[in-house]
Amino acid sequence: MDKPSQRRELKATIANISDKARQSGIIANILQNAPLPSGSICIYNSLPSEVDTKEIIKYFCQSRDVYLPVVEGNNMLLVKVDKDTEYKEANWGIYEPIGERFLPSEVCPSVTLTPLLGVDKNLNRLGKGKGYYDRYFNAVDTFKVGLAFEEQVIDEVVCDSWDKPLDMVITPQGVIKRQDL
């Protein structure tokens, strides 16, 4: 199987998940108690098809510097957010924060929560195919955490040489951590 085929299959699977809100709540609770490095955190602003991060963003804003990505050209920049941050709709229906934009290398978040279409037991991540997170992960040394519905954990993700595995994945069943850390 190739990446485009795997993406199509996973998008269809995700579209049929009926309990995204329930699973998102469990994932958020597990994440709050997960063994994460201290320091700042980058969190994606979720789409309806993804694990919901709204409560996760609120939670971490109480105790850490929180950054959300914004897309500029082919790259992601980061904006520091708090409870008063305003958002505007951008590409693909993503609500991006309004504020000063930083290069990821200027901020270097200790932890990055990343969206995904699929992940395997070796923590290989299948993204949506635009390469934003691949370029981001090449620019910063960050602890990479995937948030996944149980249906997104598959036997094997198709990988390319530039793909970087995640350090941890959180599903409703718990924490999966890479063994070679």
N, C-alpha and C. Protein backbone atom coordinates (compact mmCIF):
# COMPACT_ATOMS: atom_id res chain seq x y z
N MET A 1 0.84 -1.19 0.00
CA MET A 1 0.00 0.00 0.00
C MET A 1 0.88 1.24 0.00
N ASP A 2 0.44 2.28 -0.67
CA ASP A 2 1.18 3.54 -0.68
C ASP A 2 0.51 4.55 0.26
N LYS A 3 1.18 5.67 0.51
CA LYS A 3 0.66 6.68 1.44
C LYS A 3 -0.70 7.23 1.02
N PRO A 4 -0.89 7.61 -0.27
CA PRO A 4 -2.21 8.13 -0.65
C PRO A 4 -3.35 7.13 -0.39
N SER A 5 -3.12 5.86 -0.65
CA SER A 5 -4.15 4.84 -0.40
C SER A 5 -4.41 4.70 1.10
N GLN A 6 -3.34 4.70 1.87
CA GLN A 6 -3.49 4.58 3.32
C GLN A 6 -4.22 5.81 3.88
N ARG A 7 -3.92 6.98 3.34
CA ARG A 7 -4.62 8.19 3.78
C ARG A 7 -6.12 8.10 3.47
N ARG A 8 -6.46 7.66 2.27
CA ARG A 8 -7.88 7.53 1.90
C ARG A 8 -8.61 6.57 2.84
N GLU A 9 -7.99 5.42 3.13
CA GLU A 9 -8.61 4.44 4.03
C GLU A 9 -8.82 5.03 5.42
N LEU A 10 -7.79 5.71 5.94
CA LEU A 10 -7.90 6.26 7.29
C LEU A 10 -8.90 7.41 7.36
N LYS A 11 -8.96 8.25 6.33
CA LYS A 11 -9.96 9.32 6.32
C LYS A 11 -11.37 8.74 6.36
N ALA A 12 -11.60 7.65 5.63
CA ALA A 12 -12.92 6.99 5.65
C ALA A 12 -13.21 6.41 7.02
N THR A 13 -12.19 5.81 7.64
CA THR A 13 -12.35 5.25 8.99
C THR A 13 -12.70 6.35 9.98
N ILE A 14 -11.96 7.45 9.94
CA ILE A 14 -12.17 8.56 10.86
C ILE A 14 -13.57 9.16 10.68
N ALA A 15 -14.02 9.26 9.44
CA ALA A 15 -15.34 9.83 9.16
C ALA A 15 -16.45 9.01 9.81
N ASN A 16 -16.19 7.73 10.04
CA ASN A 16 -17.21 6.85 10.63
C ASN A 16 -17.10 6.67 12.14
N ILE A 17 -16.19 7.39 12.77
CA ILE A 17 -16.08 7.31 14.23
C ILE A 17 -17.23 8.11 14.84
N SER A 18 -18.06 7.45 15.60
CA SER A 18 -19.26 8.11 16.13
C SER A 18 -19.06 8.70 17.53
N ASP A 19 -18.00 8.33 18.21
CA ASP A 19 -17.81 8.79 19.59
C ASP A 19 -16.54 9.63 19.76
N LYS A 20 -16.30 10.52 18.81
CA LYS A 20 -15.10 11.37 18.87
C LYS A 20 -15.06 12.21 20.15
N ALA A 21 -16.20 12.76 20.55
CA ALA A 21 -16.22 13.60 21.75
C ALA A 21 -15.86 12.79 23.00
N ARG A 22 -16.41 11.60 23.11
CA ARG A 22 -16.10 10.74 24.27
C ARG A 22 -14.62 10.38 24.28
N GLN A 23 -14.10 9.94 23.14
CA GLN A 23 -12.69 9.56 23.06
C GLN A 23 -11.79 10.76 23.33
N SER A 24 -12.16 11.94 22.79
CA SER A 24 -11.36 13.14 23.02
C SER A 24 -11.28 13.48 24.50
N GLY A 25 -12.39 13.34 25.22
CA GLY A 25 -12.40 13.61 26.66
C GLY A 25 -11.48 12.68 27.43
N ILE A 26 -11.50 11.41 27.08
CA ILE A 26 -10.62 10.43 27.73
C ILE A 26 -9.15 10.76 27.44
N ILE A 27 -8.86 11.06 26.18
CA ILE A 27 -7.49 11.40 25.79
C ILE A 27 -7.01 12.64 26.55
N ALA A 28 -7.86 13.66 26.66
CA ALA A 28 -7.48 14.88 27.38
C ALA A 28 -7.15 14.57 28.84
N ASN A 29 -7.96 13.71 29.48
CA ASN A 29 -7.70 13.33 30.88
C ASN A 29 -6.39 12.58 31.03
N ILE A 30 -6.12 11.66 30.11
CA ILE A 30 -4.86 10.90 30.16
C ILE A 30 -3.67 11.84 29.94
N LEU A 31 -3.80 12.74 28.98
CA LEU A 31 -2.72 13.68 28.67
C LEU A 31 -2.35 14.53 29.87
N GLN A 32 -3.34 14.96 30.64
CA GLN A 32 -3.08 15.81 31.79
C GLN A 32 -2.20 15.12 32.83
N ASN A 33 -2.18 13.80 32.83
CA ASN A 33 -1.38 13.05 33.80
C ASN A 33 -0.20 12.33 33.15
N ALA A 34 0.04 12.57 31.87
CA ALA A 34 1.11 11.88 31.15
C ALA A 34 2.48 12.45 31.55
N PRO A 35 3.51 11.62 31.47
CA PRO A 35 4.86 12.07 31.82
C PRO A 35 5.49 12.89 30.69
N LEU A 36 5.16 14.16 30.63
CA LEU A 36 5.67 15.04 29.59
C LEU A 36 6.84 15.86 30.12
N PRO A 37 7.81 16.17 29.25
CA PRO A 37 8.87 17.09 29.68
C PRO A 37 8.27 18.44 30.09
N SER A 38 8.93 19.12 31.01
CA SER A 38 8.46 20.44 31.42
C SER A 38 8.80 21.46 30.34
N GLY A 39 8.25 22.64 30.47
CA GLY A 39 8.54 23.71 29.51
C GLY A 39 7.35 24.01 28.62
N SER A 40 7.60 24.78 27.59
CA SER A 40 6.52 25.23 26.71
C SER A 40 5.98 24.07 25.87
N ILE A 41 4.78 24.30 25.33
CA ILE A 41 4.11 23.25 24.57
C ILE A 41 3.44 23.86 23.33
N CYS A 42 3.55 23.16 22.23
CA CYS A 42 2.88 23.55 20.99
C CYS A 42 1.70 22.59 20.81
N ILE A 43 0.52 23.14 20.58
CA ILE A 43 -0.70 22.33 20.46
C ILE A 43 -1.43 22.75 19.20
N TYR A 44 -1.86 21.78 18.41
CA TYR A 44 -2.63 22.10 17.22
C TYR A 44 -4.06 22.46 17.60
N ASN A 45 -4.69 23.35 16.84
CA ASN A 45 -6.08 23.71 17.04
C ASN A 45 -6.89 22.75 16.16
N SER A 46 -7.63 21.87 16.78
CA SER A 46 -8.22 20.73 16.09
C SER A 46 -9.35 21.07 15.13
N LEU A 47 -9.46 20.22 14.13
CA LEU A 47 -10.59 20.20 13.21
C LEU A 47 -11.60 19.19 13.73
N PRO A 48 -12.84 19.20 13.23
CA PRO A 48 -13.85 18.24 13.71
C PRO A 48 -13.45 16.77 13.52
N SER A 49 -12.58 16.48 12.58
CA SER A 49 -12.17 15.09 12.34
C SER A 49 -11.04 14.64 13.27
N GLU A 50 -10.48 15.55 14.06
CA GLU A 50 -9.33 15.26 14.90
C GLU A 50 -9.71 15.19 16.37
N VAL A 51 -8.79 14.62 17.17
CA VAL A 51 -8.97 14.65 18.63
C VAL A 51 -9.11 16.12 19.03
N ASP A 52 -10.16 16.43 19.75
CA ASP A 52 -10.48 17.81 20.13
C ASP A 52 -9.45 18.34 21.12
N THR A 53 -8.84 19.47 20.80
CA THR A 53 -7.80 20.04 21.66
C THR A 53 -8.24 21.30 22.41
N LYS A 54 -9.49 21.70 22.28
CA LYS A 54 -9.92 22.96 22.92
C LYS A 54 -9.68 22.95 24.44
N GLU A 55 -10.12 21.89 25.11
CA GLU A 55 -9.93 21.80 26.57
C GLU A 55 -8.46 21.60 26.92
N ILE A 56 -7.73 20.91 26.07
CA ILE A 56 -6.30 20.69 26.29
C ILE A 56 -5.56 22.03 26.26
N ILE A 57 -5.90 22.88 25.30
CA ILE A 57 -5.28 24.21 25.22
C ILE A 57 -5.58 25.01 26.48
N LYS A 58 -6.85 25.02 26.90
CA LYS A 58 -7.22 25.76 28.12
C LYS A 58 -6.45 25.23 29.33
N TYR A 59 -6.36 23.91 29.44
CA TYR A 59 -5.69 23.29 30.58
C TYR A 59 -4.22 23.73 30.65
N PHE A 60 -3.50 23.60 29.54
CA PHE A 60 -2.07 23.91 29.57
C PHE A 60 -1.79 25.41 29.66
N CYS A 61 -2.73 26.25 29.22
CA CYS A 61 -2.55 27.71 29.37
C CYS A 61 -2.46 28.12 30.84
N GLN A 62 -2.96 27.28 31.74
CA GLN A 62 -2.91 27.58 33.16
C GLN A 62 -1.53 27.35 33.77
N SER A 63 -0.68 26.55 33.10
CA SER A 63 0.58 26.16 33.73
C SER A 63 1.83 26.25 32.84
N ARG A 64 1.65 26.49 31.53
CA ARG A 64 2.80 26.51 30.62
C ARG A 64 2.62 27.63 29.60
N ASP A 65 3.72 27.96 28.93
CA ASP A 65 3.61 28.79 27.74
C ASP A 65 3.08 27.89 26.64
N VAL A 66 2.00 28.31 25.98
CA VAL A 66 1.36 27.50 24.96
C VAL A 66 1.45 28.23 23.62
N TYR A 67 1.86 27.50 22.60
CA TYR A 67 1.96 28.02 21.23
C TYR A 67 1.08 27.19 20.31
N LEU A 68 0.45 27.87 19.37
CA LEU A 68 -0.33 27.19 18.34
C LEU A 68 0.30 27.53 16.99
N PRO A 69 0.27 26.55 16.08
CA PRO A 69 0.85 26.81 14.76
C PRO A 69 -0.07 27.63 13.87
N VAL A 70 0.57 28.40 13.01
CA VAL A 70 -0.12 29.08 11.91
C VAL A 70 0.67 28.76 10.65
N VAL A 71 -0.02 28.63 9.54
CA VAL A 71 0.63 28.29 8.29
C VAL A 71 0.97 29.57 7.53
N GLU A 72 2.22 29.64 7.10
CA GLU A 72 2.66 30.75 6.26
C GLU A 72 3.48 30.14 5.13
N GLY A 73 2.92 30.16 3.93
CA GLY A 73 3.58 29.52 2.80
C GLY A 73 3.64 28.01 3.02
N ASN A 74 4.85 27.45 2.96
CA ASN A 74 5.03 26.02 3.18
C ASN A 74 5.47 25.68 4.59
N ASN A 75 5.45 26.66 5.48
CA ASN A 75 5.97 26.43 6.82
C ASN A 75 4.95 26.78 7.90
N MET A 76 5.23 26.26 9.09
CA MET A 76 4.44 26.61 10.26
C MET A 76 5.23 27.60 11.09
N LEU A 77 4.54 28.63 11.53
CA LEU A 77 5.10 29.56 12.51
C LEU A 77 4.28 29.36 13.78
N LEU A 78 4.75 29.89 14.90
CA LEU A 78 4.06 29.68 16.17
C LEU A 78 3.61 31.02 16.76
N VAL A 79 2.43 30.99 17.37
CA VAL A 79 1.88 32.15 18.06
C VAL A 79 1.60 31.75 19.50
N LYS A 80 2.10 32.54 20.45
CA LYS A 80 1.83 32.27 21.87
C LYS A 80 0.37 32.64 22.15
N VAL A 81 -0.34 31.75 22.86
CA VAL A 81 -1.75 31.97 23.14
C VAL A 81 -2.02 31.96 24.64
N ASP A 82 -3.15 32.55 25.00
CA ASP A 82 -3.66 32.48 26.37
C ASP A 82 -5.18 32.52 26.29
N LYS A 83 -5.84 32.64 27.43
CA LYS A 83 -7.31 32.57 27.46
C LYS A 83 -7.97 33.72 26.69
N ASP A 84 -7.23 34.80 26.44
CA ASP A 84 -7.81 35.96 25.76
C ASP A 84 -7.48 36.03 24.27
N THR A 85 -6.77 35.05 23.76
CA THR A 85 -6.36 35.07 22.36
C THR A 85 -7.57 35.02 21.43
N GLU A 86 -7.50 35.81 20.37
CA GLU A 86 -8.54 35.79 19.34
C GLU A 86 -8.05 34.96 18.17
N TYR A 87 -9.01 34.39 17.43
CA TYR A 87 -8.70 33.48 16.32
C TYR A 87 -9.41 33.93 15.06
N LYS A 88 -8.85 33.55 13.91
CA LYS A 88 -9.52 33.78 12.64
C LYS A 88 -9.42 32.51 11.81
N GLU A 89 -10.43 32.29 10.98
CA GLU A 89 -10.44 31.10 10.14
C GLU A 89 -9.41 31.24 9.02
N ALA A 90 -8.63 30.19 8.82
CA ALA A 90 -7.58 30.17 7.80
C ALA A 90 -7.82 28.97 6.87
N ASN A 91 -6.76 28.53 6.20
CA ASN A 91 -6.87 27.40 5.28
C ASN A 91 -7.46 26.16 5.95
N TRP A 92 -8.21 25.40 5.17
CA TRP A 92 -8.78 24.12 5.58
C TRP A 92 -9.73 24.24 6.77
N GLY A 93 -10.23 25.42 7.06
CA GLY A 93 -11.17 25.60 8.16
C GLY A 93 -10.53 25.62 9.53
N ILE A 94 -9.21 25.74 9.59
CA ILE A 94 -8.50 25.78 10.86
C ILE A 94 -8.57 27.20 11.41
N TYR A 95 -8.88 27.33 12.69
CA TYR A 95 -8.87 28.64 13.33
C TYR A 95 -7.48 28.89 13.90
N GLU A 96 -6.81 29.90 13.33
CA GLU A 96 -5.45 30.23 13.75
C GLU A 96 -5.47 31.42 14.70
N PRO A 97 -4.56 31.42 15.69
CA PRO A 97 -4.51 32.53 16.63
C PRO A 97 -3.96 33.79 15.96
N ILE A 98 -4.44 34.93 16.42
CA ILE A 98 -3.96 36.22 15.96
C ILE A 98 -2.92 36.69 16.97
N GLY A 99 -1.73 37.02 16.48
CA GLY A 99 -0.67 37.48 17.38
C GLY A 99 0.67 37.43 16.70
N GLU A 100 1.70 37.80 17.45
CA GLU A 100 3.06 37.80 16.91
C GLU A 100 3.47 36.38 16.52
N ARG A 101 4.06 36.26 15.33
CA ARG A 101 4.47 34.95 14.82
C ARG A 101 5.97 34.75 15.05
N PHE A 102 6.31 33.53 15.48
CA PHE A 102 7.70 33.17 15.74
C PHE A 102 8.09 31.98 14.89
N LEU A 103 9.36 31.93 14.48
CA LEU A 103 9.89 30.72 13.88
C LEU A 103 9.93 29.65 14.97
N PRO A 104 9.64 28.40 14.64
CA PRO A 104 9.73 27.35 15.66
C PRO A 104 11.10 27.32 16.36
N SER A 105 12.17 27.59 15.62
CA SER A 105 13.51 27.58 16.20
C SER A 105 13.74 28.72 17.19
N GLU A 106 12.91 29.78 17.13
CA GLU A 106 13.01 30.88 18.09
C GLU A 106 12.36 30.51 19.42
N VAL A 107 11.40 29.61 19.37
CA VAL A 107 10.61 29.26 20.55
C VAL A 107 11.02 27.90 21.11
N CYS A 108 11.29 26.94 20.24
CA CYS A 108 11.68 25.57 20.60
C CYS A 108 10.82 24.97 21.71
N PRO A 109 9.53 24.72 21.43
CA PRO A 109 8.69 24.11 22.46
C PRO A 109 9.26 22.77 22.94
N SER A 110 9.20 22.54 24.23
CA SER A 110 9.67 21.27 24.80
C SER A 110 8.83 20.10 24.31
N VAL A 111 7.53 20.35 24.14
CA VAL A 111 6.57 19.32 23.76
C VAL A 111 5.75 19.84 22.58
N THR A 112 5.45 18.96 21.64
CA THR A 112 4.56 19.30 20.54
C THR A 112 3.50 18.23 20.40
N LEU A 113 2.23 18.65 20.50
CA LEU A 113 1.11 17.74 20.24
C LEU A 113 0.82 17.83 18.75
N THR A 114 0.75 16.70 18.09
CA THR A 114 0.60 16.70 16.64
C THR A 114 -0.63 15.92 16.20
N PRO A 115 -1.33 16.46 15.21
CA PRO A 115 -2.46 15.71 14.64
C PRO A 115 -1.92 14.60 13.75
N LEU A 116 -2.76 13.65 13.43
CA LEU A 116 -2.35 12.55 12.57
C LEU A 116 -3.57 11.88 11.96
N LEU A 117 -3.33 11.17 10.88
CA LEU A 117 -4.37 10.31 10.31
C LEU A 117 -4.26 8.91 10.86
N GLY A 118 -3.01 8.46 11.05
CA GLY A 118 -2.78 7.13 11.57
C GLY A 118 -1.44 7.04 12.26
N VAL A 119 -1.30 6.02 13.10
CA VAL A 119 -0.06 5.77 13.82
C VAL A 119 0.03 4.27 14.04
N ASP A 120 1.27 3.74 14.04
CA ASP A 120 1.43 2.32 14.31
C ASP A 120 2.11 2.10 15.65
N LYS A 121 2.28 0.84 16.03
CA LYS A 121 2.85 0.51 17.35
C LYS A 121 4.30 0.95 17.50
N ASN A 122 4.98 1.23 16.37
CA ASN A 122 6.35 1.76 16.41
C ASN A 122 6.35 3.29 16.46
N LEU A 123 5.17 3.87 16.56
CA LEU A 123 4.93 5.31 16.65
C LEU A 123 5.30 6.06 15.37
N ASN A 124 5.23 5.36 14.26
CA ASN A 124 5.34 6.03 12.96
C ASN A 124 4.01 6.73 12.70
N ARG A 125 4.08 7.99 12.31
CA ARG A 125 2.90 8.84 12.13
C ARG A 125 2.62 9.03 10.64
N LEU A 126 1.36 8.92 10.28
CA LEU A 126 0.92 9.28 8.93
C LEU A 126 0.15 10.58 9.05
N GLY A 127 0.70 11.63 8.44
CA GLY A 127 0.05 12.93 8.46
C GLY A 127 -0.85 13.08 7.25
N LYS A 128 -1.26 14.31 7.02
CA LYS A 128 -2.20 14.56 5.93
C LYS A 128 -1.53 14.77 4.58
N GLY A 129 -0.19 14.83 4.57
CA GLY A 129 0.52 14.85 3.30
C GLY A 129 1.07 16.19 2.86
N LYS A 130 0.88 17.23 3.64
CA LYS A 130 1.40 18.54 3.24
C LYS A 130 2.83 18.77 3.73
N GLY A 131 3.30 17.98 4.71
CA GLY A 131 4.67 18.06 5.18
C GLY A 131 4.96 19.14 6.20
N TYR A 132 3.95 19.84 6.68
CA TYR A 132 4.19 20.92 7.64
C TYR A 132 4.89 20.43 8.90
N TYR A 133 4.39 19.33 9.47
CA TYR A 133 4.99 18.82 10.70
C TYR A 133 6.35 18.17 10.43
N ASP A 134 6.55 17.57 9.26
CA ASP A 134 7.86 17.02 8.91
C ASP A 134 8.91 18.14 8.91
N ARG A 135 8.60 19.26 8.28
CA ARG A 135 9.54 20.39 8.25
C ARG A 135 9.73 20.97 9.66
N TYR A 136 8.65 21.06 10.41
CA TYR A 136 8.71 21.57 11.78
C TYR A 136 9.62 20.68 12.64
N PHE A 137 9.41 19.36 12.56
CA PHE A 137 10.22 18.44 13.37
C PHE A 137 11.69 18.47 12.98
N ASN A 138 12.00 18.85 11.75
CA ASN A 138 13.39 19.00 11.35
C ASN A 138 14.00 20.30 11.86
N ALA A 139 13.16 21.26 12.24
CA ALA A 139 13.64 22.57 12.69
C ALA A 139 13.82 22.67 14.20
N VAL A 140 13.12 21.82 14.95
CA VAL A 140 13.18 21.91 16.42
C VAL A 140 13.37 20.53 17.05
N ASP A 141 14.02 20.54 18.21
CA ASP A 141 14.15 19.33 19.00
C ASP A 141 13.04 19.38 20.04
N THR A 142 12.00 18.62 19.81
CA THR A 142 10.82 18.66 20.66
C THR A 142 10.34 17.25 20.94
N PHE A 143 9.67 17.06 22.05
CA PHE A 143 9.08 15.76 22.39
C PHE A 143 7.76 15.67 21.64
N LYS A 144 7.68 14.73 20.71
CA LYS A 144 6.57 14.64 19.76
C LYS A 144 5.49 13.70 20.30
N VAL A 145 4.29 14.25 20.51
CA VAL A 145 3.17 13.49 21.07
C VAL A 145 2.01 13.49 20.08
N GLY A 146 1.57 12.31 19.68
CA GLY A 146 0.41 12.18 18.83
C GLY A 146 -0.83 11.91 19.66
N LEU A 147 -1.94 12.46 19.23
CA LEU A 147 -3.23 12.20 19.87
C LEU A 147 -4.07 11.42 18.86
N ALA A 148 -4.55 10.23 19.25
CA ALA A 148 -5.21 9.36 18.27
C ALA A 148 -6.45 8.68 18.84
N PHE A 149 -7.51 8.68 18.04
CA PHE A 149 -8.66 7.85 18.35
C PHE A 149 -8.21 6.39 18.25
N GLU A 150 -8.87 5.49 18.95
CA GLU A 150 -8.44 4.08 18.93
C GLU A 150 -8.43 3.51 17.51
N GLU A 151 -9.31 3.98 16.64
CA GLU A 151 -9.38 3.48 15.28
C GLU A 151 -8.21 3.93 14.41
N GLN A 152 -7.44 4.90 14.88
CA GLN A 152 -6.32 5.42 14.10
C GLN A 152 -5.02 4.64 14.35
N VAL A 153 -5.02 3.75 15.32
CA VAL A 153 -3.83 2.93 15.60
C VAL A 153 -3.93 1.70 14.69
N ILE A 154 -2.97 1.61 13.77
CA ILE A 154 -3.00 0.54 12.77
C ILE A 154 -1.72 -0.30 12.87
N ASP A 155 -1.69 -1.40 12.13
CA ASP A 155 -0.54 -2.31 12.19
C ASP A 155 0.74 -1.68 11.68
N GLU A 156 0.65 -1.02 10.52
CA GLU A 156 1.87 -0.44 9.95
C GLU A 156 1.54 0.79 9.12
N VAL A 157 2.28 1.86 9.40
CA VAL A 157 2.16 3.10 8.64
C VAL A 157 3.23 3.07 7.55
N VAL A 158 2.84 3.47 6.35
CA VAL A 158 3.80 3.61 5.25
C VAL A 158 4.69 4.80 5.56
N CYS A 159 6.01 4.59 5.55
CA CYS A 159 6.96 5.64 5.93
C CYS A 159 7.92 5.96 4.79
N ASP A 160 8.41 7.19 4.81
CA ASP A 160 9.49 7.61 3.94
C ASP A 160 10.72 7.86 4.80
N SER A 161 11.87 8.02 4.17
CA SER A 161 13.13 8.18 4.91
C SER A 161 13.14 9.43 5.79
N TRP A 162 12.39 10.46 5.41
CA TRP A 162 12.40 11.71 6.18
C TRP A 162 11.39 11.71 7.33
N ASP A 163 10.52 10.71 7.41
CA ASP A 163 9.52 10.65 8.48
C ASP A 163 10.19 10.37 9.82
N LYS A 164 9.79 11.14 10.83
CA LYS A 164 10.32 10.95 12.17
C LYS A 164 9.24 10.32 13.04
N PRO A 165 9.58 9.24 13.76
CA PRO A 165 8.57 8.65 14.64
C PRO A 165 8.27 9.57 15.81
N LEU A 166 7.08 9.39 16.37
CA LEU A 166 6.68 10.15 17.55
C LEU A 166 7.39 9.58 18.77
N ASP A 167 7.40 10.34 19.85
CA ASP A 167 7.97 9.86 21.11
C ASP A 167 6.90 9.21 21.97
N MET A 168 5.65 9.63 21.76
CA MET A 168 4.55 9.13 22.57
C MET A 168 3.25 9.30 21.79
N VAL A 169 2.32 8.38 22.01
CA VAL A 169 0.98 8.52 21.46
C VAL A 169 0.00 8.31 22.61
N ILE A 170 -1.04 9.14 22.63
CA ILE A 170 -2.08 8.99 23.65
C ILE A 170 -3.37 8.64 22.94
N THR A 171 -3.95 7.51 23.36
CA THR A 171 -5.23 7.03 22.84
C THR A 171 -6.16 6.87 24.03
N PRO A 172 -7.43 6.57 23.80
CA PRO A 172 -8.32 6.33 24.93
C PRO A 172 -7.89 5.13 25.79
N GLN A 173 -7.06 4.25 25.21
CA GLN A 173 -6.57 3.09 25.96
C GLN A 173 -5.36 3.41 26.82
N GLY A 174 -4.77 4.59 26.62
CA GLY A 174 -3.63 4.96 27.44
C GLY A 174 -2.47 5.52 26.65
N VAL A 175 -1.28 5.46 27.26
CA VAL A 175 -0.06 6.04 26.71
C VAL A 175 0.77 4.94 26.06
N ILE A 176 1.21 5.20 24.84
CA ILE A 176 2.16 4.33 24.15
C ILE A 176 3.43 5.16 24.01
N LYS A 177 4.53 4.66 24.57
CA LYS A 177 5.78 5.41 24.56
C LYS A 177 6.82 4.64 23.76
N ARG A 178 7.63 5.38 23.01
CA ARG A 178 8.69 4.74 22.24
C ARG A 178 9.69 4.11 23.20
N GLN A 179 10.10 2.92 22.91
CA GLN A 179 10.96 2.16 23.82
C GLN A 179 12.43 2.58 23.78
N ASP A 180 12.86 3.21 22.68
CA ASP A 180 14.28 3.48 22.52
C ASP A 180 14.67 4.89 22.98
N LEU A 181 13.86 5.52 23.83
CA LEU A 181 14.20 6.87 24.29
C LEU A 181 15.27 6.81 25.35
